[in-house]
Amino acid sequence: MPEDVIKNKYGFYELLNKPSPQELDIYYSEKYYQDSKSSTYEHKYSSQEIQYKFNKILQKNLLIKEIIGAESGLFLDVGSGEGFALKYFGDLGWSCTGLDYSLFGIKTHNPDQKNFVIAGDIFKNLSKIIKNKKKFNLIWLDNVLEHVIDPFQLMTDLRKILDERGVLVVEVPNDFSIVQKHLLSKNYIDNKFWVCAPDHISYFNKDGLANLAKSSGWCVNNFISDYPIDWDLFNQKTNYIKDYSLGKNSHLRRVEIENLIHSVSPKKANLFYEALSGLGLGRNITGFFTKRI
C-alpha cells in the first residue's frame, strides 16, 4: 500500500515492510513470468515490439561504446528475464552470462540463449561469481534494482566483479516523478498506481539512483530516459489507469513512437532521452556507471 512507502536517505522511496528473501525466491522462481495474469510480461510479442526492445538496447550500447570504447568482452546480465539483451550482445560477439531465478521467460522468447543463463537464486549465484573473482567488462541491470531487498548491497557487490575500465548499466522505473505528482494533484489519477508490492520494493528517481550509486562507490557517467507513456494519463480518452483496457493501446503507441524516433537517428534519440531525463521525464531512467578508483 502507498502508505507503507517511505523516503530513504538516498532520496528514493522504498517499502516500509519488505518481503523476506524466501518469499521473493518463491515469487520469482514460480510466479513472476509464469502467471500471465499478474505479470507485466507477455507470452508473445509483435515484430514491432521486438524491434522496439532491440532498438532500446542498441541506443544504450552506443553510450556504452563511448564510455569503454569496446566492441565486445565479457557481459553479465543480472536478471536476464526474457533474454533479449543476451541475444543482442551475444550476436555482437560478447561472451555472455545471465543470472535469473527462472528460465521460463528466456525459454519463451529466446530459447537459444538458455544455455548462457545460470538459473536459481540470483544472489547466491552472484556470490559464487564474486568468490571466483571473475570480472566483466559490461554488467546489465535492467529493471532489477527496484525488485531487490537491499539495492545498496547489490550495487556494492557488482562493483567487485566489474573490470576497472568496465561499465554498469542500470535501468529502473521513474517513480514518484514530477508527472506522477502532477497527475495526482490534478485528480487525473486517484492513487499511486506505481506502488506495487511485492514486485517493486524500491521506487527510484534520477537523483535517488545517482545518490545510491555514488554512496556504493560508483561514478555517474550519464543518464537517459525513455518515452513518457504517463503523458497519456492527461487525457481521459487515453487514461489507462482510469480504464485499464486502454493500456495495451498506450503501450503500442509508445512502441511506434519510439521506433520512429530511433529510425531518424539512434544518436539523436539518445540526446533527446538525455534531455528528458534532465527534466525528470520518462517512464524509465537508465544510468551508466563506472568504478570510482
Protein backbone atom coordinates (compact mmCIF):
# COMPACT_ATOMS: atom_id res chain seq x y z
CA MET A 1 0.00 0.00 0.00
CA PRO A 2 1.22 3.56 -0.73
CA GLU A 3 1.15 4.49 2.95
CA ASP A 4 3.77 1.80 3.59
CA VAL A 5 6.32 3.58 1.39
CA ILE A 6 8.96 5.83 2.96
CA LYS A 7 11.64 8.10 1.54
CA ASN A 8 15.12 6.89 2.46
CA LYS A 9 18.44 8.67 2.97
CA TYR A 10 19.35 8.39 -0.73
CA GLY A 11 16.25 10.27 -1.83
CA PHE A 12 14.20 7.44 -3.32
CA TYR A 13 11.26 5.59 -1.82
CA GLU A 14 11.09 2.03 -0.50
CA LEU A 15 8.58 -0.29 1.14
CA LEU A 16 8.46 0.05 4.88
CA ASN A 17 7.60 -3.64 5.27
CA LYS A 18 9.77 -5.59 2.84
CA PRO A 19 9.21 -9.24 1.88
CA SER A 20 11.66 -11.87 3.07
CA PRO A 21 14.30 -13.38 0.74
CA GLN A 22 12.40 -16.67 0.90
CA GLU A 23 9.16 -15.01 -0.22
CA LEU A 24 10.91 -13.35 -3.14
CA ASP A 25 12.60 -16.59 -4.16
CA ILE A 26 9.24 -18.33 -4.45
CA TYR A 27 7.64 -15.36 -6.20
CA TYR A 28 10.25 -15.04 -8.94
CA SER A 29 11.02 -18.70 -9.46
CA GLU A 30 7.39 -19.83 -9.61
CA LYS A 31 5.08 -16.91 -10.45
CA TYR A 32 6.64 -13.82 -11.99
CA TYR A 33 6.90 -14.83 -15.65
CA GLN A 34 4.64 -17.86 -15.47
CA ASP A 35 1.46 -16.17 -14.28
CA SER A 36 0.24 -14.10 -17.22
CA LYS A 37 -2.50 -12.52 -15.10
CA SER A 38 -0.11 -10.99 -12.60
CA SER A 39 2.97 -10.47 -14.77
CA THR A 40 3.66 -7.39 -16.85
CA TYR A 41 5.47 -9.60 -19.34
CA GLU A 42 3.92 -11.08 -22.44
CA HIS A 43 4.00 -14.62 -23.75
CA LYS A 44 4.12 -13.31 -27.34
CA TYR A 45 5.35 -10.06 -28.89
CA SER A 46 4.68 -8.49 -32.26
CA SER A 47 7.57 -7.83 -34.64
CA GLN A 48 7.27 -4.11 -33.84
CA GLU A 49 7.58 -4.80 -30.11
CA ILE A 50 10.63 -6.99 -30.62
CA GLN A 51 12.22 -4.30 -32.79
CA TYR A 52 11.47 -1.77 -30.06
CA LYS A 53 13.28 -3.93 -27.48
CA PHE A 54 16.38 -4.25 -29.65
CA ASN A 55 16.30 -0.55 -30.55
CA LYS A 56 16.42 0.39 -26.87
CA ILE A 57 19.38 -1.93 -26.29
CA LEU A 58 21.19 -0.51 -29.33
CA GLN A 59 20.74 3.04 -28.03
CA LYS A 60 22.30 2.06 -24.71
CA ASN A 61 25.12 0.26 -26.47
CA LEU A 62 26.04 3.47 -28.32
CA LEU A 63 26.63 5.14 -24.95
CA ILE A 64 28.46 2.08 -23.62
CA LYS A 65 30.92 2.22 -26.53
CA GLU A 66 31.51 5.90 -25.86
CA ILE A 67 32.45 5.09 -22.27
CA ILE A 68 34.59 1.97 -22.67
CA GLY A 69 35.46 2.03 -26.36
CA ALA A 70 35.00 -1.74 -26.65
CA GLU A 71 33.02 -3.68 -29.23
CA SER A 72 33.00 -6.92 -27.23
CA GLY A 73 34.10 -8.52 -23.98
CA LEU A 74 32.55 -10.31 -21.02
CA PHE A 75 28.89 -9.47 -20.46
CA LEU A 76 26.83 -10.22 -17.34
CA ASP A 77 23.06 -9.82 -17.39
CA VAL A 78 21.77 -9.85 -13.81
CA GLY A 79 18.10 -10.75 -14.03
CA SER A 80 18.22 -11.75 -17.68
CA GLY A 81 14.46 -12.23 -17.93
CA GLU A 82 13.43 -12.94 -21.50
CA GLY A 83 16.97 -12.90 -22.86
CA PHE A 84 16.82 -10.02 -25.34
CA ALA A 85 19.99 -8.37 -24.02
CA LEU A 86 21.82 -11.73 -24.05
CA LYS A 87 20.73 -12.22 -27.65
CA TYR A 88 21.79 -8.73 -28.72
CA PHE A 89 25.24 -8.74 -27.15
CA GLY A 90 25.87 -12.39 -27.98
CA ASP A 91 25.23 -11.67 -31.65
CA LEU A 92 27.82 -8.86 -31.43
CA GLY A 93 30.45 -11.30 -30.19
CA TRP A 94 30.29 -10.71 -26.45
CA SER A 95 30.84 -13.68 -24.14
CA CYS A 96 27.56 -13.67 -22.24
CA THR A 97 26.39 -14.90 -18.86
CA GLY A 98 22.89 -14.43 -17.47
CA LEU A 99 21.50 -14.84 -13.97
CA ASP A 100 17.83 -15.39 -13.22
CA TYR A 101 15.54 -17.22 -10.84
CA SER A 102 13.74 -18.97 -13.69
CA LEU A 103 14.35 -19.99 -17.30
CA PHE A 104 10.68 -19.55 -18.16
CA GLY A 105 10.98 -16.12 -19.80
CA ILE A 106 14.06 -16.96 -21.82
CA LYS A 107 12.68 -20.32 -23.00
CA THR A 108 9.57 -18.49 -24.21
CA HIS A 109 11.29 -15.72 -26.17
CA ASN A 110 14.96 -16.56 -26.74
CA PRO A 111 15.41 -20.30 -26.14
CA ASP A 112 18.74 -20.28 -27.98
CA GLN A 113 20.14 -18.25 -25.06
CA LYS A 114 19.09 -20.58 -22.23
CA ASN A 115 22.49 -22.30 -22.04
CA PHE A 116 24.09 -18.98 -21.12
CA VAL A 117 21.83 -18.49 -18.09
CA ILE A 118 22.55 -19.70 -14.58
CA ALA A 119 19.12 -20.37 -13.08
CA GLY A 120 18.39 -20.22 -9.36
CA ASP A 121 18.81 -17.72 -6.56
CA ILE A 122 20.44 -14.72 -8.25
CA PHE A 123 22.24 -13.56 -5.14
CA LYS A 124 23.69 -16.95 -4.27
CA ASN A 125 24.97 -17.34 -7.83
CA LEU A 126 26.31 -13.79 -7.79
CA SER A 127 28.18 -14.63 -4.58
CA LYS A 128 29.82 -17.57 -6.35
CA ILE A 129 30.97 -15.28 -9.16
CA ILE A 130 32.42 -12.84 -6.63
CA LYS A 131 34.15 -15.68 -4.78
CA ASN A 132 35.70 -16.89 -8.05
CA LYS A 133 36.91 -13.30 -8.71
CA LYS A 134 35.59 -13.27 -12.26
CA LYS A 135 35.50 -9.82 -13.88
CA PHE A 136 33.14 -8.48 -16.54
CA ASN A 137 33.50 -5.58 -18.95
CA LEU A 138 29.78 -4.84 -19.01
CA ILE A 139 27.15 -5.53 -16.35
CA TRP A 140 23.50 -5.12 -17.27
CA LEU A 141 20.85 -4.49 -14.60
CA ASP A 142 17.61 -3.89 -16.48
CA ASN A 143 14.52 -3.36 -14.31
CA VAL A 144 16.00 -5.41 -11.48
CA LEU A 145 17.19 -2.97 -8.81
CA GLU A 146 13.64 -1.99 -7.87
CA HIS A 147 12.89 -5.63 -7.06
CA VAL A 148 15.69 -6.35 -4.58
CA ILE A 149 15.58 -6.02 -0.81
CA ASP A 150 18.94 -4.27 -0.46
CA PRO A 151 19.85 -2.16 -3.53
CA PHE A 152 22.95 -0.75 -1.83
CA GLN A 153 24.37 -4.23 -1.24
CA LEU A 154 23.71 -5.27 -4.82
CA MET A 155 25.39 -2.15 -6.21
CA THR A 156 28.36 -2.78 -3.89
CA ASP A 157 28.62 -6.43 -4.94
CA LEU A 158 28.51 -5.61 -8.64
CA ARG A 159 31.43 -3.24 -8.22
CA LYS A 160 33.55 -6.21 -7.09
CA ILE A 161 33.12 -8.03 -10.42
CA LEU A 162 33.38 -5.17 -12.90
CA ASP A 163 36.63 -4.66 -14.79
CA GLU A 164 38.45 -1.45 -13.91
CA ARG A 165 37.51 0.07 -17.28
CA GLY A 166 34.04 -1.52 -17.48
CA VAL A 167 30.56 -0.05 -17.22
CA LEU A 168 27.44 -0.86 -15.23
CA VAL A 169 24.09 -0.07 -16.89
CA VAL A 170 21.09 0.24 -14.56
CA GLU A 171 17.52 0.82 -15.74
CA VAL A 172 14.70 1.42 -13.26
CA PRO A 173 11.17 2.83 -13.43
CA ASN A 174 10.99 6.59 -12.86
CA ASP A 175 8.63 6.71 -9.86
CA PHE A 176 7.25 9.50 -7.68
CA SER A 177 8.12 11.60 -10.72
CA ILE A 178 7.12 15.17 -11.46
CA VAL A 179 4.47 13.86 -13.87
CA GLN A 180 3.00 11.38 -11.41
CA LYS A 181 2.81 14.02 -8.66
CA HIS A 182 1.12 16.46 -11.06
CA LEU A 183 -1.39 13.82 -12.15
CA LEU A 184 -2.30 13.18 -8.53
CA SER A 185 -2.61 16.87 -7.67
CA LYS A 186 -4.95 17.48 -10.64
CA ASN A 187 -7.02 14.31 -9.98
CA TYR A 188 -6.17 12.72 -13.32
CA ILE A 189 -5.43 9.67 -11.18
CA ASP A 190 -6.65 8.91 -7.66
CA ASN A 191 -3.94 6.55 -6.40
CA LYS A 192 -0.20 5.85 -6.51
CA PHE A 193 -0.62 3.07 -9.07
CA TRP A 194 3.14 2.58 -9.45
CA VAL A 195 3.45 1.25 -5.90
CA CYS A 196 3.10 -2.49 -6.41
CA ALA A 197 4.36 -4.92 -3.77
CA PRO A 198 5.98 -7.39 -3.81
CA ASP A 199 7.07 -6.71 -7.41
CA HIS A 200 8.70 -3.39 -6.59
CA ILE A 201 10.40 -2.79 -3.28
CA SER A 202 12.19 0.46 -4.20
CA TYR A 203 10.90 3.43 -6.21
CA PHE A 204 13.67 5.43 -7.87
CA ASN A 205 14.11 8.82 -9.42
CA LYS A 206 17.24 10.06 -11.18
CA ASP A 207 18.73 11.79 -8.15
CA GLY A 208 17.97 8.86 -5.84
CA LEU A 209 19.65 6.38 -8.17
CA ALA A 210 22.65 8.69 -8.59
CA ASN A 211 22.96 9.10 -4.81
CA LEU A 212 22.79 5.35 -4.28
CA ALA A 213 25.45 4.77 -6.95
CA LYS A 214 27.82 7.36 -5.52
CA SER A 215 27.37 6.01 -1.99
CA SER A 216 28.28 2.50 -3.17
CA GLY A 217 31.47 3.60 -4.93
CA TRP A 218 30.35 4.43 -8.49
CA CYS A 219 30.97 7.38 -10.78
CA VAL A 220 27.97 8.66 -12.73
CA ASN A 221 28.69 8.97 -16.45
CA ASN A 222 25.30 9.63 -17.98
CA PHE A 223 21.54 9.29 -17.69
CA ILE A 224 18.85 8.80 -20.31
CA SER A 225 15.14 8.16 -20.01
CA ASP A 226 12.54 6.97 -22.50
CA TYR A 227 9.12 7.85 -23.89
CA PRO A 228 6.86 9.31 -21.14
CA ILE A 229 3.91 6.95 -21.57
CA ASP A 230 2.34 8.51 -18.48
CA TRP A 231 1.55 11.57 -20.61
CA ASP A 232 -1.42 9.51 -21.80
CA LEU A 233 -2.91 9.94 -18.34
CA PHE A 234 -3.58 13.63 -19.01
CA ASN A 235 -6.34 12.67 -21.47
CA GLN A 236 -9.42 10.81 -20.28
CA LYS A 237 -9.64 9.03 -23.64
CA THR A 238 -6.17 7.51 -23.12
CA ASN A 239 -6.06 7.33 -19.33
CA TYR A 240 -5.14 3.68 -18.82
CA ILE A 241 -5.29 3.96 -15.04
CA LYS A 242 -8.92 5.07 -15.03
CA ASP A 243 -9.64 2.45 -17.72
CA TYR A 244 -7.20 -0.47 -17.77
CA SER A 245 -8.50 -1.62 -21.16
CA LEU A 246 -6.68 1.36 -22.72
CA GLY A 247 -3.28 0.16 -21.53
CA LYS A 248 -2.39 -2.02 -24.50
CA ASN A 249 -3.10 0.76 -26.99
CA SER A 250 -0.95 3.17 -24.98
CA HIS A 251 1.87 0.65 -24.99
CA LEU A 252 1.60 0.09 -28.76
CA ARG A 253 1.56 3.86 -29.33
CA ARG A 254 4.76 4.13 -27.29
CA VAL A 255 6.35 1.35 -29.34
CA GLU A 256 5.50 3.05 -32.63
CA ILE A 257 6.70 6.48 -31.49
CA GLU A 258 9.94 5.12 -30.01
CA ASN A 259 10.67 3.12 -33.16
CA LEU A 260 10.02 6.23 -35.27
CA ILE A 261 12.39 8.35 -33.17
CA HIS A 262 15.03 5.62 -33.40
CA SER A 263 14.64 5.45 -37.19
CA VAL A 264 15.62 9.11 -37.52
CA SER A 265 18.89 8.66 -35.63
CA PRO A 266 19.76 6.49 -32.62
CA LYS A 267 22.40 9.02 -31.56
CA LYS A 268 19.95 11.92 -31.74
CA ALA A 269 17.42 9.78 -29.92
CA ASN A 270 19.89 9.46 -27.05
CA LEU A 271 20.30 13.25 -26.91
CA PHE A 272 16.52 13.56 -26.74
CA TYR A 273 16.23 10.99 -23.95
CA GLU A 274 19.13 12.59 -22.08
CA ALA A 275 17.28 15.91 -22.15
CA LEU A 276 14.08 14.24 -20.95
CA SER A 277 15.92 12.63 -18.03
CA GLY A 278 17.27 16.04 -17.05
CA LEU A 279 13.68 17.28 -16.80
CA GLY A 280 12.64 14.31 -14.69
CA LEU A 281 10.51 12.96 -17.54
CA GLY A 282 10.25 9.46 -18.99
CA ARG A 283 8.69 6.29 -17.64
CA ASN A 284 12.10 4.67 -17.07
CA ILE A 285 15.55 6.04 -16.34
CA THR A 286 18.88 4.44 -17.21
CA GLY A 287 22.17 5.27 -15.53
CA PHE A 288 25.65 4.47 -16.84
CA PHE A 289 28.21 3.99 -14.08
CA THR A 290 31.95 3.31 -13.89
CA LYS A 291 34.07 2.33 -10.94
CA ARG A 292 35.47 5.02 -8.72
CA ILE A 293 39.18 4.20 -8.49
